[in-house]
Amino acid sequence: MTGFLAHIRFAAAALAVIFLIGVSAPAGAQQVNPTASSVKEEQLLQQLQRVQGRITIPDAKESVLIQPAGRDWRTFDQITLRWIGAISILGMLLLIVGFFLTRGMIRIERGRSGRTIVRFNAFERFVHWMTATCFIILAISGLNITFGRPLLLPLMSPEAFTAWSQWLKYAHNYLSFPFTFGVILLFLMWIGGNIPSKTDVEWLKAGGGLFGHREPPSGRFNG
């Protein structure tokens, strides 16, 4: 009886060893090349210029993870757009400085008379400054998206840049509504005074008073 039990124990131990070897063999086979999937994706990207998988949602185009259009947009957004923005902003500043140095400050020809004429009422001024203030903050937040990482991040800590960008994001989200509302109000209030007329044509012919020393008539709004 004792010998029979010993044979049973031996057989059970042998089966356990065989089972463990069978289980560990596939795991070992999978660890031969742990980067096989990445190599395959790299090969797909080189051959097909995109990486695409299978999905179960109706939108079939969402199966494309990497495609040429995405890389082209990244290049445009991170390189081309920054150059266009920088040249436009710096070019306009140079034009303004050059005009000021050439033309100088445009003063009132006969000096101030001491009389004050109210051209815009309090509500119009409020809407104008509300819209202008929102525009400036929105412009700063937009410039931070385009130029913040290459220009500001090296000058401050990552934590400070993150907080700065987060607050600008909040400002951009919440000030977009009053800015749009202000633009609509300004359009409705001032569209009547901006209808082109003969006075506007004469104002444009005279260059708006920027050239020469004669101030052309403009009415309430210039051309």
C-alpha atoms as a PDB file:
ATOM      1  CA  MET A   1       0.000   0.000   0.000  1.00  0.00           C
ATOM      2  CA  THR A   2       2.823   2.329   0.905  1.00  0.00           C
ATOM      3  CA  GLY A   3       4.516   1.701  -2.453  1.00  0.00           C
ATOM      4  CA  PHE A   4       1.277   2.358  -4.298  1.00  0.00           C
ATOM      5  CA  LEU A   5       0.851   5.755  -2.577  1.00  0.00           C
ATOM      6  CA  ALA A   6       4.441   6.616  -3.405  1.00  0.00           C
ATOM      7  CA  HIS A   7       3.799   5.919  -7.101  1.00  0.00           C
ATOM      8  CA  ILE A   8       0.685   8.128  -6.987  1.00  0.00           C
ATOM      9  CA  ARG A   9       2.656  10.985  -5.397  1.00  0.00           C
ATOM     10  CA  PHE A  10       5.379  10.619  -8.016  1.00  0.00           C
ATOM     11  CA  ALA A  11       2.859  10.659 -10.862  1.00  0.00           C
ATOM     12  CA  ALA A  12       1.091  13.708  -9.428  1.00  0.00           C
ATOM     13  CA  ALA A  13       4.384  15.555  -9.056  1.00  0.00           C
ATOM     14  CA  ALA A  14       5.343  14.705 -12.651  1.00  0.00           C
ATOM     15  CA  LEU A  15       2.003  15.970 -13.941  1.00  0.00           C
ATOM     16  CA  ALA A  16       2.412  19.191 -11.956  1.00  0.00           C
ATOM     17  CA  VAL A  17       5.881  19.757 -13.431  1.00  0.00           C
ATOM     18  CA  ILE A  18       4.607  19.093 -16.963  1.00  0.00           C
ATOM     19  CA  PHE A  19       1.703  21.523 -16.394  1.00  0.00           C
ATOM     20  CA  LEU A  20       4.001  24.267 -15.148  1.00  0.00           C
ATOM     21  CA  ILE A  21       6.337  23.816 -18.117  1.00  0.00           C
ATOM     22  CA  GLY A  22       3.384  23.999 -20.515  1.00  0.00           C
ATOM     23  CA  VAL A  23       2.072  27.194 -18.925  1.00  0.00           C
ATOM     24  CA  SER A  24       5.427  28.941 -18.762  1.00  0.00           C
ATOM     25  CA  ALA A  25       6.431  28.080 -22.333  1.00  0.00           C
ATOM     26  CA  PRO A  26       3.951  30.480 -24.085  1.00  0.00           C
ATOM     27  CA  ALA A  27       4.879  33.244 -21.658  1.00  0.00           C
ATOM     28  CA  GLY A  28       8.528  32.726 -22.452  1.00  0.00           C
ATOM     29  CA  ALA A  29       7.756  32.713 -26.147  1.00  0.00           C
ATOM     30  CA  GLN A  30       5.951  36.039 -25.847  1.00  0.00           C
ATOM     31  CA  GLN A  31       8.958  37.625 -24.146  1.00  0.00           C
ATOM     32  CA  VAL A  32      11.340  36.855 -26.991  1.00  0.00           C
ATOM     33  CA  ASN A  33      10.642  40.236 -28.672  1.00  0.00           C
ATOM     34  CA  PRO A  34       8.827  42.622 -26.300  1.00  0.00           C
ATOM     35  CA  THR A  35       8.909  45.414 -28.910  1.00  0.00           C
ATOM     36  CA  ALA A  36       7.366  43.365 -31.715  1.00  0.00           C
ATOM     37  CA  SER A  37       4.210  45.488 -31.804  1.00  0.00           C
ATOM     38  CA  SER A  38       6.143  48.739 -31.993  1.00  0.00           C
ATOM     39  CA  VAL A  39       8.329  47.341 -34.757  1.00  0.00           C
ATOM     40  CA  LYS A  40       5.205  46.369 -36.677  1.00  0.00           C
ATOM     41  CA  GLU A  41       3.691  49.851 -36.219  1.00  0.00           C
ATOM     42  CA  GLU A  42       6.921  51.450 -37.403  1.00  0.00           C
ATOM     43  CA  GLN A  43       6.939  49.226 -40.476  1.00  0.00           C
ATOM     44  CA  LEU A  44       3.314  50.120 -41.205  1.00  0.00           C
ATOM     45  CA  LEU A  45       4.102  53.804 -40.805  1.00  0.00           C
ATOM     46  CA  GLN A  46       7.017  53.550 -43.253  1.00  0.00           C
ATOM     47  CA  GLN A  47       5.157  51.479 -45.842  1.00  0.00           C
ATOM     48  CA  LEU A  48       1.622  52.893 -45.654  1.00  0.00           C
ATOM     49  CA  GLN A  49       2.363  56.320 -44.126  1.00  0.00           C
ATOM     50  CA  ARG A  50      -0.313  55.625 -41.493  1.00  0.00           C
ATOM     51  CA  VAL A  51      -1.148  53.354 -38.550  1.00  0.00           C
ATOM     52  CA  GLN A  52      -4.675  51.960 -38.635  1.00  0.00           C
ATOM     53  CA  GLY A  53      -6.495  49.450 -36.451  1.00  0.00           C
ATOM     54  CA  ARG A  54      -9.961  47.979 -35.978  1.00  0.00           C
ATOM     55  CA  ILE A  55     -12.788  49.658 -34.079  1.00  0.00           C
ATOM     56  CA  THR A  56     -16.401  48.849 -33.184  1.00  0.00           C
ATOM     57  CA  ILE A  57     -17.860  52.365 -33.382  1.00  0.00           C
ATOM     58  CA  PRO A  58     -19.689  53.614 -36.507  1.00  0.00           C
ATOM     59  CA  ASP A  59     -17.123  56.323 -37.347  1.00  0.00           C
ATOM     60  CA  ALA A  60     -14.667  54.306 -39.462  1.00  0.00           C
ATOM     61  CA  LYS A  61     -12.108  57.111 -39.813  1.00  0.00           C
ATOM     62  CA  GLU A  62     -11.435  56.970 -36.067  1.00  0.00           C
ATOM     63  CA  SER A  63      -9.513  53.724 -36.649  1.00  0.00           C
ATOM     64  CA  VAL A  64      -6.617  55.728 -38.113  1.00  0.00           C
ATOM     65  CA  LEU A  65      -4.194  56.594 -35.297  1.00  0.00           C
ATOM     66  CA  ILE A  66      -1.419  58.229 -37.338  1.00  0.00           C
ATOM     67  CA  GLN A  67      -1.816  59.689 -40.830  1.00  0.00           C
ATOM     68  CA  PRO A  68       0.073  62.118 -43.098  1.00  0.00           C
ATOM     69  CA  ALA A  69      -2.511  64.888 -42.640  1.00  0.00           C
ATOM     70  CA  GLY A  70      -1.959  64.865 -38.885  1.00  0.00           C
ATOM     71  CA  ARG A  71       1.792  65.175 -39.256  1.00  0.00           C
ATOM     72  CA  ASP A  72       1.375  67.930 -41.860  1.00  0.00           C
ATOM     73  CA  TRP A  73      -0.895  69.880 -39.500  1.00  0.00           C
ATOM     74  CA  ARG A  74       1.557  69.436 -36.622  1.00  0.00           C
ATOM     75  CA  THR A  75       4.344  70.830 -38.799  1.00  0.00           C
ATOM     76  CA  PHE A  76       2.182  73.772 -39.872  1.00  0.00           C
ATOM     77  CA  ASP A  77       0.993  74.485 -36.316  1.00  0.00           C
ATOM     78  CA  GLN A  78       4.395  74.220 -34.630  1.00  0.00           C
ATOM     79  CA  ILE A  79       6.620  75.764 -37.307  1.00  0.00           C
ATOM     80  CA  THR A  80       4.864  77.498 -40.211  1.00  0.00           C
ATOM     81  CA  LEU A  81       2.120  79.178 -38.176  1.00  0.00           C
ATOM     82  CA  ARG A  82       4.624  80.535 -35.672  1.00  0.00           C
ATOM     83  CA  TRP A  83       6.694  82.080 -38.452  1.00  0.00           C
ATOM     84  CA  ILE A  84       3.608  83.632 -40.061  1.00  0.00           C
ATOM     85  CA  GLY A  85       2.446  85.055 -36.727  1.00  0.00           C
ATOM     86  CA  ALA A  86       5.881  86.359 -35.759  1.00  0.00           C
ATOM     87  CA  ILE A  87       6.465  88.043 -39.135  1.00  0.00           C
ATOM     88  CA  SER A  88       2.980  89.604 -39.093  1.00  0.00           C
ATOM     89  CA  ILE A  89       3.265  90.976 -35.541  1.00  0.00           C
ATOM     90  CA  LEU A  90       6.843  92.214 -35.819  1.00  0.00           C
ATOM     91  CA  GLY A  91       6.217  93.579 -39.316  1.00  0.00           C
ATOM     92  CA  MET A  92       3.231  95.620 -38.144  1.00  0.00           C
ATOM     93  CA  LEU A  93       5.212  96.971 -35.183  1.00  0.00           C
ATOM     94  CA  LEU A  94       8.009  98.023 -37.533  1.00  0.00           C
ATOM     95  CA  LEU A  95       5.504  99.785 -39.809  1.00  0.00           C
ATOM     96  CA  ILE A  96       3.985 101.686 -36.876  1.00  0.00           C
ATOM     97  CA  VAL A  97       7.385 102.712 -35.513  1.00  0.00           C
ATOM     98  CA  GLY A  98       8.585 103.702 -38.987  1.00  0.00           C
ATOM     99  CA  PHE A  99       5.477 105.824 -39.611  1.00  0.00           C
ATOM    100  CA  PHE A 100       5.816 107.549 -36.240  1.00  0.00           C
ATOM    101  CA  LEU A 101       9.481 108.316 -36.829  1.00  0.00           C
ATOM    102  CA  THR A 102       8.697 109.668 -40.311  1.00  0.00           C
ATOM    103  CA  ARG A 103       5.410 111.483 -39.750  1.00  0.00           C
ATOM    104  CA  GLY A 104       5.675 112.273 -36.071  1.00  0.00           C
ATOM    105  CA  MET A 105       2.748 112.902 -33.744  1.00  0.00           C
ATOM    106  CA  ILE A 106      -0.359 114.294 -35.470  1.00  0.00           C
ATOM    107  CA  ARG A 107      -1.528 117.260 -33.442  1.00  0.00           C
ATOM    108  CA  ILE A 108      -4.633 119.414 -33.610  1.00  0.00           C
ATOM    109  CA  GLU A 109      -3.892 122.110 -36.187  1.00  0.00           C
ATOM    110  CA  ARG A 110      -5.183 125.078 -34.171  1.00  0.00           C
ATOM    111  CA  GLY A 111      -4.784 123.558 -30.723  1.00  0.00           C
ATOM    112  CA  ARG A 112      -7.487 122.636 -28.218  1.00  0.00           C
ATOM    113  CA  SER A 113     -10.478 124.957 -27.991  1.00  0.00           C
ATOM    114  CA  GLY A 114     -11.438 124.026 -24.442  1.00  0.00           C
ATOM    115  CA  ARG A 115     -14.838 122.714 -25.515  1.00  0.00           C
ATOM    116  CA  THR A 116     -15.752 119.030 -25.098  1.00  0.00           C
ATOM    117  CA  ILE A 117     -18.077 117.303 -27.547  1.00  0.00           C
ATOM    118  CA  VAL A 118     -19.664 114.016 -26.410  1.00  0.00           C
ATOM    119  CA  ARG A 119     -19.474 111.795 -29.472  1.00  0.00           C
ATOM    120  CA  PHE A 120     -20.417 108.514 -27.738  1.00  0.00           C
ATOM    121  CA  ASN A 121     -22.706 108.124 -24.736  1.00  0.00           C
ATOM    122  CA  ALA A 122     -21.868 106.179 -21.573  1.00  0.00           C
ATOM    123  CA  PHE A 123     -23.441 102.922 -22.770  1.00  0.00           C
ATOM    124  CA  GLU A 124     -21.563 102.993 -26.068  1.00  0.00           C
ATOM    125  CA  ARG A 125     -18.271 103.630 -24.276  1.00  0.00           C
ATOM    126  CA  PHE A 126     -18.983 100.787 -21.834  1.00  0.00           C
ATOM    127  CA  VAL A 127     -19.702  98.304 -24.630  1.00  0.00           C
ATOM    128  CA  HIS A 128     -16.646  99.470 -26.548  1.00  0.00           C
ATOM    129  CA  TRP A 129     -14.247  99.067 -23.608  1.00  0.00           C
ATOM    130  CA  MET A 130     -15.794  95.759 -22.567  1.00  0.00           C
ATOM    131  CA  THR A 131     -15.248  94.383 -26.067  1.00  0.00           C
ATOM    132  CA  ALA A 132     -11.752  95.853 -26.315  1.00  0.00           C
ATOM    133  CA  THR A 133     -10.702  94.438 -22.922  1.00  0.00           C
ATOM    134  CA  CYS A 134     -12.023  90.980 -23.795  1.00  0.00           C
ATOM    135  CA  PHE A 135     -10.246  91.172 -27.156  1.00  0.00           C
ATOM    136  CA  ILE A 136      -6.887  91.939 -25.526  1.00  0.00           C
ATOM    137  CA  ILE A 137      -7.202  89.046 -23.054  1.00  0.00           C
ATOM    138  CA  LEU A 138      -8.323  86.659 -25.800  1.00  0.00           C
ATOM    139  CA  ALA A 139      -5.394  87.783 -27.943  1.00  0.00           C
ATOM    140  CA  ILE A 140      -2.945  87.119 -25.097  1.00  0.00           C
ATOM    141  CA  SER A 141      -4.387  83.645 -24.553  1.00  0.00           C
ATOM    142  CA  GLY A 142      -4.132  82.916 -28.275  1.00  0.00           C
ATOM    143  CA  LEU A 143      -0.541  84.125 -28.438  1.00  0.00           C
ATOM    144  CA  ASN A 144       0.263  81.949 -25.426  1.00  0.00           C
ATOM    145  CA  ILE A 145      -1.009  78.880 -27.299  1.00  0.00           C
ATOM    146  CA  THR A 146       1.212  79.658 -30.292  1.00  0.00           C
ATOM    147  CA  PHE A 147       4.314  81.202 -28.703  1.00  0.00           C
ATOM    148  CA  GLY A 148       4.043  80.355 -24.997  1.00  0.00           C
ATOM    149  CA  ARG A 149       5.942  77.069 -25.022  1.00  0.00           C
ATOM    150  CA  PRO A 150       9.027  78.242 -26.974  1.00  0.00           C
ATOM    151  CA  LEU A 151       9.189  81.758 -25.467  1.00  0.00           C
ATOM    152  CA  LEU A 152       7.737  81.719 -21.930  1.00  0.00           C
ATOM    153  CA  LEU A 153       8.439  78.188 -20.725  1.00  0.00           C
ATOM    154  CA  PRO A 154      12.248  78.682 -20.754  1.00  0.00           C
ATOM    155  CA  LEU A 155      11.788  81.853 -18.647  1.00  0.00           C
ATOM    156  CA  MET A 156       9.624  80.306 -15.905  1.00  0.00           C
ATOM    157  CA  SER A 157       9.185  77.013 -14.132  1.00  0.00           C
ATOM    158  CA  PRO A 158       6.910  74.353 -15.656  1.00  0.00           C
ATOM    159  CA  GLU A 159       4.527  74.767 -12.700  1.00  0.00           C
ATOM    160  CA  ALA A 160       4.255  78.528 -13.206  1.00  0.00           C
ATOM    161  CA  PHE A 161       3.747  78.130 -16.960  1.00  0.00           C
ATOM    162  CA  THR A 162       1.054  75.511 -16.334  1.00  0.00           C
ATOM    163  CA  ALA A 163      -0.800  77.799 -13.913  1.00  0.00           C
ATOM    164  CA  TRP A 164      -0.463  80.748 -16.310  1.00  0.00           C
ATOM    165  CA  SER A 165      -1.823  78.716 -19.217  1.00  0.00           C
ATOM    166  CA  GLN A 166      -4.645  77.294 -17.095  1.00  0.00           C
ATOM    167  CA  TRP A 167      -5.849  80.743 -16.022  1.00  0.00           C
ATOM    168  CA  LEU A 168      -5.666  81.962 -19.610  1.00  0.00           C
ATOM    169  CA  LYS A 169      -7.730  78.956 -20.657  1.00  0.00           C
ATOM    170  CA  TYR A 170     -10.404  79.876 -18.099  1.00  0.00           C
ATOM    171  CA  ALA A 171     -10.335  83.500 -19.276  1.00  0.00           C
ATOM    172  CA  HIS A 172     -10.604  82.434 -22.907  1.00  0.00           C
ATOM    173  CA  ASN A 173     -13.577  80.188 -22.189  1.00  0.00           C
ATOM    174  CA  TYR A 174     -15.551  82.699 -20.115  1.00  0.00           C
ATOM    175  CA  LEU A 175     -14.692  85.950 -21.937  1.00  0.00           C
ATOM    176  CA  SER A 176     -15.537  84.665 -25.384  1.00  0.00           C
ATOM    177  CA  PHE A 177     -19.256  85.214 -24.706  1.00  0.00           C
ATOM    178  CA  PRO A 178     -19.063  88.894 -23.606  1.00  0.00           C
ATOM    179  CA  PHE A 179     -16.676  89.579 -26.494  1.00  0.00           C
ATOM    180  CA  THR A 180     -19.106  88.111 -29.037  1.00  0.00           C
ATOM    181  CA  PHE A 181     -22.029  89.888 -27.371  1.00  0.00           C
ATOM    182  CA  GLY A 182     -20.126  93.189 -27.461  1.00  0.00           C
ATOM    183  CA  VAL A 183     -19.268  92.823 -31.143  1.00  0.00           C
ATOM    184  CA  ILE A 184     -22.942  92.225 -31.955  1.00  0.00           C
ATOM    185  CA  LEU A 185     -23.998  95.264 -29.899  1.00  0.00           C
ATOM    186  CA  LEU A 186     -21.391  97.503 -31.549  1.00  0.00           C
ATOM    187  CA  PHE A 187     -22.525  96.342 -34.971  1.00  0.00           C
ATOM    188  CA  LEU A 188     -26.164  97.071 -34.217  1.00  0.00           C
ATOM    189  CA  MET A 189     -25.420 100.459 -32.608  1.00  0.00           C
ATOM    190  CA  TRP A 190     -23.022 101.765 -35.231  1.00  0.00           C
ATOM    191  CA  ILE A 191     -24.069 100.148 -38.509  1.00  0.00           C
ATOM    192  CA  GLY A 192     -26.163 103.194 -39.385  1.00  0.00           C
ATOM    193  CA  GLY A 193     -23.177 105.546 -39.127  1.00  0.00           C
ATOM    194  CA  ASN A 194     -20.909 103.260 -41.164  1.00  0.00           C
ATOM    195  CA  ILE A 195     -22.887 103.154 -44.387  1.00  0.00           C
ATOM    196  CA  PRO A 196     -20.496 104.364 -47.143  1.00  0.00           C
ATOM    197  CA  SER A 197     -21.097 107.840 -48.461  1.00  0.00           C
ATOM    198  CA  LYS A 198     -19.383 110.498 -50.578  1.00  0.00           C
ATOM    199  CA  THR A 199     -17.625 111.807 -47.460  1.00  0.00           C
ATOM    200  CA  ASP A 200     -15.959 108.426 -46.982  1.00  0.00           C
ATOM    201  CA  VAL A 201     -14.691 108.469 -50.577  1.00  0.00           C
ATOM    202  CA  GLU A 202     -13.096 111.902 -50.047  1.00  0.00           C
ATOM    203  CA  TRP A 203     -11.601 110.707 -46.753  1.00  0.00           C
ATOM    204  CA  LEU A 204     -10.027 107.681 -48.431  1.00  0.00           C
ATOM    205  CA  LYS A 205      -8.655 109.811 -51.273  1.00  0.00           C
ATOM    206  CA  ALA A 206      -6.927 112.062 -48.748  1.00  0.00           C
ATOM    207  CA  GLY A 207      -5.384 109.048 -46.981  1.00  0.00           C
ATOM    208  CA  GLY A 208      -7.347 109.705 -43.815  1.00  0.00           C
ATOM    209  CA  GLY A 209      -5.116 112.617 -42.897  1.00  0.00           C
ATOM    210  CA  LEU A 210      -2.085 110.370 -42.448  1.00  0.00           C
ATOM    211  CA  PHE A 211      -0.263 112.068 -45.291  1.00  0.00           C
ATOM    212  CA  GLY A 212       0.057 115.809 -45.647  1.00  0.00           C
ATOM    213  CA  HIS A 213      -1.251 118.299 -43.112  1.00  0.00           C
ATOM    214  CA  ARG A 214      -4.912 118.507 -44.063  1.00  0.00           C
ATOM    215  CA  GLU A 215      -7.549 116.718 -41.979  1.00  0.00           C
ATOM    216  CA  PRO A 216     -10.343 115.541 -44.321  1.00  0.00           C
ATOM    217  CA  PRO A 217     -13.947 115.566 -43.042  1.00  0.00           C
ATOM    218  CA  SER A 218     -15.151 112.190 -41.809  1.00  0.00           C
ATOM    219  CA  GLY A 219     -18.458 112.648 -40.001  1.00  0.00           C
ATOM    220  CA  ARG A 220     -19.003 110.524 -36.907  1.00  0.00           C
ATOM    221  CA  PHE A 221     -16.988 107.578 -38.272  1.00  0.00           C
ATOM    222  CA  ASN A 222     -14.150 107.695 -40.762  1.00  0.00           C
ATOM    223  CA  GLY A 223     -13.994 105.650 -43.946  1.00  0.00           C
END
